[in-house]
Each structure stands twice: as structure tokens, then as C-alpha cells.
N, C-alpha and C. Protein backbone atom coordinates (compact mmCIF):
# COMPACT_ATOMS: atom_id res chain seq x y z
N ASP A 1 25.53 -11.00 26.02
CA ASP A 1 25.77 -12.26 25.24
C ASP A 1 25.76 -11.79 23.74
N GLU A 2 26.84 -12.25 22.99
CA GLU A 2 26.92 -11.78 21.62
C GLU A 2 25.79 -12.23 20.73
N GLU A 3 25.42 -13.46 20.88
CA GLU A 3 24.36 -14.03 20.15
C GLU A 3 22.95 -13.29 20.07
N LYS A 4 22.66 -12.86 21.37
CA LYS A 4 21.40 -12.07 21.49
C LYS A 4 21.58 -10.75 20.96
N MET A 5 22.66 -10.19 20.94
CA MET A 5 23.00 -8.87 20.43
C MET A 5 22.81 -8.95 18.88
N LYS A 6 23.33 -9.94 18.29
CA LYS A 6 23.18 -10.08 16.84
C LYS A 6 21.75 -10.17 16.52
N GLU A 7 21.06 -11.00 17.39
CA GLU A 7 19.60 -11.25 16.94
C GLU A 7 18.76 -9.96 17.06
N ALA A 8 19.04 -9.18 18.12
CA ALA A 8 18.40 -7.91 18.49
C ALA A 8 18.77 -7.01 17.22
N VAL A 9 19.95 -6.89 16.76
CA VAL A 9 20.28 -6.18 15.55
C VAL A 9 19.53 -6.55 14.39
N LYS A 10 19.46 -7.76 14.08
CA LYS A 10 18.72 -8.32 12.96
C LYS A 10 17.33 -7.88 13.06
N GLU A 11 16.68 -8.03 14.24
CA GLU A 11 15.27 -7.80 14.37
C GLU A 11 15.01 -6.27 14.07
N ARG A 12 15.93 -5.40 14.72
CA ARG A 12 15.80 -3.95 14.48
C ARG A 12 15.76 -3.67 13.08
N GLU A 13 16.87 -4.22 12.11
CA GLU A 13 16.83 -3.98 10.85
C GLU A 13 15.62 -4.49 10.15
N MET A 14 15.02 -5.51 10.40
CA MET A 14 13.80 -6.13 9.74
C MET A 14 12.67 -5.07 9.98
N LYS A 15 12.64 -4.53 11.26
CA LYS A 15 11.46 -3.57 11.67
C LYS A 15 11.71 -2.23 10.83
N GLU A 16 13.07 -1.87 10.67
CA GLU A 16 13.32 -0.61 9.80
C GLU A 16 12.89 -0.89 8.28
N LYS A 17 13.25 -2.04 7.93
CA LYS A 17 12.96 -2.46 6.44
C LYS A 17 11.44 -2.42 6.27
N GLN A 18 10.66 -3.06 7.26
CA GLN A 18 9.19 -3.03 7.18
C GLN A 18 8.47 -1.70 7.35
N ALA A 19 9.19 -0.94 8.18
CA ALA A 19 8.54 0.46 8.23
C ALA A 19 8.65 1.29 6.98
N ASN A 20 9.52 0.87 6.05
CA ASN A 20 9.72 1.68 4.86
C ASN A 20 9.43 0.77 3.79
N LEU A 21 8.64 -0.17 3.81
CA LEU A 21 8.13 -1.19 2.85
C LEU A 21 7.50 -0.48 1.63
N PHE A 22 6.64 0.43 1.91
CA PHE A 22 5.91 1.13 0.84
C PHE A 22 6.37 2.61 0.63
N LYS A 23 7.67 2.93 1.13
CA LYS A 23 8.13 4.25 0.84
C LYS A 23 8.28 4.68 -0.50
N GLY A 24 7.79 5.62 -0.97
CA GLY A 24 7.83 6.15 -2.30
C GLY A 24 6.67 5.65 -3.26
N LEU A 25 5.78 4.78 -2.58
CA LEU A 25 4.54 4.34 -3.34
C LEU A 25 3.38 5.21 -2.94
N LYS A 26 2.57 5.35 -3.90
CA LYS A 26 1.29 6.22 -3.71
C LYS A 26 0.03 5.42 -4.13
N PHE A 27 -0.86 5.14 -3.12
CA PHE A 27 -1.85 4.29 -3.42
C PHE A 27 -3.26 5.01 -3.48
N PHE A 28 -4.17 4.75 -4.35
CA PHE A 28 -5.39 5.21 -4.39
C PHE A 28 -6.43 4.06 -4.17
N LEU A 29 -7.33 4.30 -3.26
CA LEU A 29 -8.22 3.18 -2.88
C LEU A 29 -9.51 3.47 -3.54
N GLY A 30 -10.12 2.28 -4.10
CA GLY A 30 -11.37 2.27 -4.69
C GLY A 30 -12.49 2.32 -3.67
N ARG A 31 -13.63 2.65 -3.99
CA ARG A 31 -14.70 2.85 -3.04
C ARG A 31 -15.29 1.60 -2.49
N GLU A 32 -14.96 0.33 -3.14
CA GLU A 32 -15.40 -0.83 -2.70
C GLU A 32 -14.40 -1.58 -1.69
N VAL A 33 -13.40 -1.01 -1.33
CA VAL A 33 -12.29 -1.66 -0.49
C VAL A 33 -12.49 -1.09 0.96
N PRO A 34 -12.15 -1.83 2.05
CA PRO A 34 -12.08 -1.42 3.41
C PRO A 34 -11.08 -0.35 3.59
N ARG A 35 -11.58 0.83 3.68
CA ARG A 35 -10.72 2.00 3.65
C ARG A 35 -9.78 2.23 4.86
N GLU A 36 -10.48 2.22 6.03
CA GLU A 36 -9.81 2.42 7.34
C GLU A 36 -8.57 1.53 7.58
N PRO A 37 -8.83 0.24 7.50
CA PRO A 37 -7.60 -0.68 7.74
C PRO A 37 -6.51 -0.52 6.76
N LEU A 38 -6.86 -0.24 5.41
CA LEU A 38 -5.90 -0.09 4.44
C LEU A 38 -5.11 1.20 4.67
N VAL A 39 -5.83 2.18 4.97
CA VAL A 39 -5.06 3.55 5.16
C VAL A 39 -4.06 3.42 6.28
N PHE A 40 -4.58 2.84 7.37
CA PHE A 40 -3.64 2.62 8.55
C PHE A 40 -2.45 1.67 8.21
N MET A 41 -2.76 0.62 7.57
CA MET A 41 -1.52 -0.25 7.17
C MET A 41 -0.56 0.38 6.23
N ILE A 42 -1.07 0.95 5.14
CA ILE A 42 -0.29 1.46 4.23
C ILE A 42 0.58 2.63 4.84
N ARG A 43 -0.01 3.47 5.53
CA ARG A 43 0.72 4.59 6.18
C ARG A 43 1.79 4.05 7.19
N ALA A 44 1.36 2.94 7.78
CA ALA A 44 2.31 2.42 8.92
C ALA A 44 3.70 1.85 8.33
N VAL A 45 3.61 1.59 7.02
CA VAL A 45 4.92 1.02 6.37
C VAL A 45 5.29 2.03 5.24
N GLY A 46 4.99 3.23 5.43
CA GLY A 46 5.77 4.24 4.79
C GLY A 46 5.08 4.75 3.44
N GLY A 47 3.66 4.31 3.06
CA GLY A 47 3.04 4.65 1.75
C GLY A 47 2.14 5.85 1.93
N GLU A 48 2.01 6.56 0.91
CA GLU A 48 1.03 7.67 0.84
C GLU A 48 -0.33 6.89 0.39
N VAL A 49 -1.41 7.43 0.83
CA VAL A 49 -2.77 6.86 0.44
C VAL A 49 -3.82 7.97 0.36
N SER A 50 -4.67 7.72 -0.56
CA SER A 50 -5.89 8.61 -0.67
C SER A 50 -7.09 7.81 -1.16
N TRP A 51 -8.29 8.51 -1.33
CA TRP A 51 -9.45 7.77 -1.80
C TRP A 51 -10.30 8.98 -2.44
N ASP A 52 -11.40 8.65 -3.06
CA ASP A 52 -12.30 9.51 -3.72
C ASP A 52 -12.89 10.48 -2.55
N SER A 53 -12.94 11.72 -2.81
CA SER A 53 -13.45 12.67 -1.76
C SER A 53 -14.90 12.47 -1.49
N SER A 54 -15.68 11.82 -2.42
CA SER A 54 -17.16 11.61 -2.29
C SER A 54 -17.33 10.31 -1.16
N VAL A 55 -16.24 9.57 -1.06
CA VAL A 55 -16.38 8.44 -0.08
C VAL A 55 -16.35 8.89 1.37
N ALA A 56 -15.33 9.81 1.69
CA ALA A 56 -15.06 10.28 3.07
C ALA A 56 -14.12 11.44 2.92
N ILE A 57 -14.15 12.33 4.06
CA ILE A 57 -13.42 13.47 4.06
C ILE A 57 -11.97 13.00 4.25
N GLY A 58 -11.11 13.92 3.89
CA GLY A 58 -9.69 13.69 4.32
C GLY A 58 -8.80 13.15 3.16
N SER A 59 -9.37 13.01 1.94
CA SER A 59 -8.61 12.54 0.90
C SER A 59 -7.48 13.58 0.50
N THR A 60 -6.49 13.19 0.20
CA THR A 60 -5.36 14.26 -0.11
C THR A 60 -4.96 14.26 -1.51
N PHE A 61 -5.40 13.30 -2.47
CA PHE A 61 -5.11 13.38 -4.00
C PHE A 61 -6.22 12.74 -4.66
N SER A 62 -6.50 13.09 -5.83
CA SER A 62 -7.57 12.48 -6.65
C SER A 62 -7.10 11.29 -7.45
N GLN A 63 -7.95 10.46 -7.97
CA GLN A 63 -7.61 9.34 -8.87
C GLN A 63 -6.93 9.79 -10.08
N SER A 64 -7.03 10.95 -10.45
CA SER A 64 -6.37 11.40 -11.75
C SER A 64 -4.80 11.87 -11.47
N ASP A 65 -4.49 11.84 -10.25
CA ASP A 65 -3.09 12.17 -9.95
C ASP A 65 -1.99 11.21 -10.68
N ALA A 66 -1.26 11.75 -11.41
CA ALA A 66 -0.34 10.98 -12.30
C ALA A 66 0.83 10.32 -11.65
N SER A 67 0.92 10.62 -10.29
CA SER A 67 2.04 10.04 -9.44
C SER A 67 1.49 8.75 -8.73
N ILE A 68 0.32 8.33 -8.86
CA ILE A 68 -0.18 7.20 -8.18
C ILE A 68 0.53 5.98 -8.66
N THR A 69 1.06 5.06 -7.80
CA THR A 69 1.83 3.97 -8.46
C THR A 69 0.84 2.71 -8.27
N HIS A 70 -0.06 2.68 -7.47
CA HIS A 70 -0.92 1.44 -7.07
C HIS A 70 -2.39 1.90 -6.85
N GLN A 71 -3.26 1.31 -7.57
CA GLN A 71 -4.69 1.47 -7.27
C GLN A 71 -5.40 0.27 -6.69
N VAL A 72 -5.86 0.40 -5.53
CA VAL A 72 -6.48 -0.75 -4.88
C VAL A 72 -7.87 -0.85 -5.18
N MET A 73 -8.43 -2.11 -5.73
CA MET A 73 -9.74 -2.35 -6.14
C MET A 73 -10.13 -3.81 -5.83
N ASP A 74 -11.34 -3.95 -5.57
CA ASP A 74 -11.76 -5.44 -5.25
C ASP A 74 -12.71 -5.87 -6.38
N ARG A 75 -12.28 -5.65 -7.58
CA ARG A 75 -13.14 -6.07 -8.68
C ARG A 75 -12.21 -6.16 -9.95
N ASP A 76 -12.72 -6.67 -11.05
CA ASP A 76 -11.98 -6.83 -12.21
C ASP A 76 -11.42 -5.44 -12.82
N PRO A 77 -10.11 -5.31 -12.89
CA PRO A 77 -9.64 -4.04 -13.45
C PRO A 77 -10.30 -3.55 -14.73
N ASN A 78 -10.65 -4.66 -15.58
CA ASN A 78 -11.27 -4.17 -16.90
C ASN A 78 -12.62 -3.57 -16.69
N THR A 79 -13.14 -3.45 -15.55
CA THR A 79 -14.48 -2.77 -15.28
C THR A 79 -14.24 -1.43 -14.69
N ALA A 80 -12.99 -1.16 -14.47
CA ALA A 80 -12.56 0.23 -13.82
C ALA A 80 -12.69 1.39 -14.66
N GLY A 81 -12.92 1.29 -15.94
CA GLY A 81 -13.06 2.42 -16.76
C GLY A 81 -11.63 2.73 -17.33
N ASP A 82 -11.25 3.90 -17.41
CA ASP A 82 -9.90 4.30 -17.92
C ASP A 82 -8.90 3.79 -17.26
N MET A 83 -7.93 2.85 -17.65
CA MET A 83 -6.88 2.41 -16.88
C MET A 83 -5.58 3.32 -17.22
N VAL A 84 -4.84 3.59 -16.34
CA VAL A 84 -3.65 4.42 -16.49
C VAL A 84 -2.33 3.61 -16.72
N LEU A 85 -1.74 3.86 -17.74
CA LEU A 85 -0.54 3.17 -18.02
C LEU A 85 0.49 3.39 -17.06
N GLY A 86 1.17 2.37 -16.61
CA GLY A 86 2.28 2.42 -15.56
C GLY A 86 1.78 2.52 -14.08
N ARG A 87 0.50 2.19 -13.92
CA ARG A 87 -0.10 2.10 -12.63
C ARG A 87 -0.49 0.69 -12.31
N TYR A 88 -0.19 0.11 -11.21
CA TYR A 88 -0.60 -1.25 -10.93
C TYR A 88 -1.90 -1.24 -10.28
N TYR A 89 -2.80 -2.12 -10.72
CA TYR A 89 -4.12 -2.36 -10.16
C TYR A 89 -4.10 -3.54 -9.33
N ILE A 90 -4.28 -3.40 -8.12
CA ILE A 90 -3.97 -4.56 -7.18
C ILE A 90 -5.32 -4.74 -6.32
N GLN A 91 -5.44 -5.86 -5.64
CA GLN A 91 -6.47 -6.16 -4.70
C GLN A 91 -6.07 -5.88 -3.27
N PRO A 92 -6.83 -5.58 -2.27
CA PRO A 92 -6.44 -5.39 -0.93
C PRO A 92 -5.59 -6.60 -0.40
N GLN A 93 -5.75 -7.64 -0.75
CA GLN A 93 -4.94 -8.76 -0.21
C GLN A 93 -3.48 -8.59 -0.51
N TRP A 94 -3.13 -7.96 -1.70
CA TRP A 94 -1.84 -7.70 -1.95
C TRP A 94 -1.06 -6.88 -0.88
N VAL A 95 -1.83 -5.89 -0.32
CA VAL A 95 -1.42 -4.98 0.73
C VAL A 95 -1.04 -5.90 1.90
N PHE A 96 -2.07 -6.74 2.38
CA PHE A 96 -2.02 -7.60 3.51
C PHE A 96 -0.86 -8.60 3.42
N ASP A 97 -0.68 -9.25 2.27
CA ASP A 97 0.22 -10.25 1.95
C ASP A 97 1.64 -9.58 1.99
N SER A 98 1.89 -8.47 1.34
CA SER A 98 3.09 -7.76 1.45
C SER A 98 3.56 -7.52 2.78
N ILE A 99 2.68 -6.92 3.60
CA ILE A 99 3.10 -6.67 4.97
C ILE A 99 3.42 -7.88 5.83
N ASN A 100 2.62 -8.89 5.71
CA ASN A 100 2.83 -10.11 6.40
C ASN A 100 4.17 -10.77 6.00
N ARG A 101 4.45 -10.65 4.71
CA ARG A 101 5.79 -11.22 4.25
C ARG A 101 7.01 -10.34 4.56
N ARG A 102 6.76 -9.16 4.91
CA ARG A 102 7.79 -8.11 5.11
C ARG A 102 8.51 -7.74 3.90
N GLU A 103 7.85 -8.01 2.72
CA GLU A 103 8.43 -7.53 1.40
C GLU A 103 7.34 -7.46 0.39
N LYS A 104 7.48 -6.54 -0.59
CA LYS A 104 6.43 -6.31 -1.56
C LYS A 104 6.24 -7.64 -2.39
N CYS A 105 5.04 -8.05 -2.52
CA CYS A 105 4.66 -9.03 -3.36
C CYS A 105 4.83 -8.66 -4.76
N ARG A 106 4.95 -9.46 -5.74
CA ARG A 106 4.81 -9.09 -7.25
C ARG A 106 3.46 -8.57 -7.55
N GLU A 107 3.55 -7.57 -8.34
CA GLU A 107 2.25 -7.12 -8.87
C GLU A 107 2.08 -7.69 -10.21
N LYS A 108 0.86 -8.23 -10.31
CA LYS A 108 0.63 -8.92 -11.65
C LYS A 108 0.12 -8.06 -12.71
């Protein structure tokens, strides 16, 4: 049936788009955010992610990495110390909302 075929193709395209939702983005997690679910979700949609090595083993880059695009924190960015120009400071909810919508939400 042609209608079902079109629907299947559309669904496959949506899944491919979602699988690459965060492709090319590099996230650094603050110590106050839920690390395990965020790492799983960010990597599942193509993003790179790390955290402070004092929080847990397995971190792959430090907070000072100039290629980080998004820093995930659950507090006021003004209390974060030195802010890096060109880096988005977002809350964990931004990650969840973007994945649920199957598109990146606006970074404020």
C-alpha cells in the first residue's frame, strides 16, 4: 500500500533527523545536573558530552575546552564564575525538551 510506504519513509527520516539532533555539538555537564541520563540522551542523538573529572571517571574533555558549545547547569549562569563567550549556558530541561520536540529548542 503506497500510503503506508510513504508513512514508513517519513518515520524513518524523522528517526534519522533525531539521531543527529545534536551532531556537531559539544556539551559540558555541571556537577549539579543528573549526569547519567543526560550523557545517555545527548550521545543517543549525536552529541559529545563530558563532565568534571572530579565528579566521576570517564570524562573526555575539561570545562576549559574551547570547542564546547553548550554548558549544562541547574543554577543561575551568573554564579558560574568565568563565562565563555560563544558558549550557550542551558538547563537540563533544554536537552529533554529538544529531544521530545525532535528539534533543537532556542538557546536563550
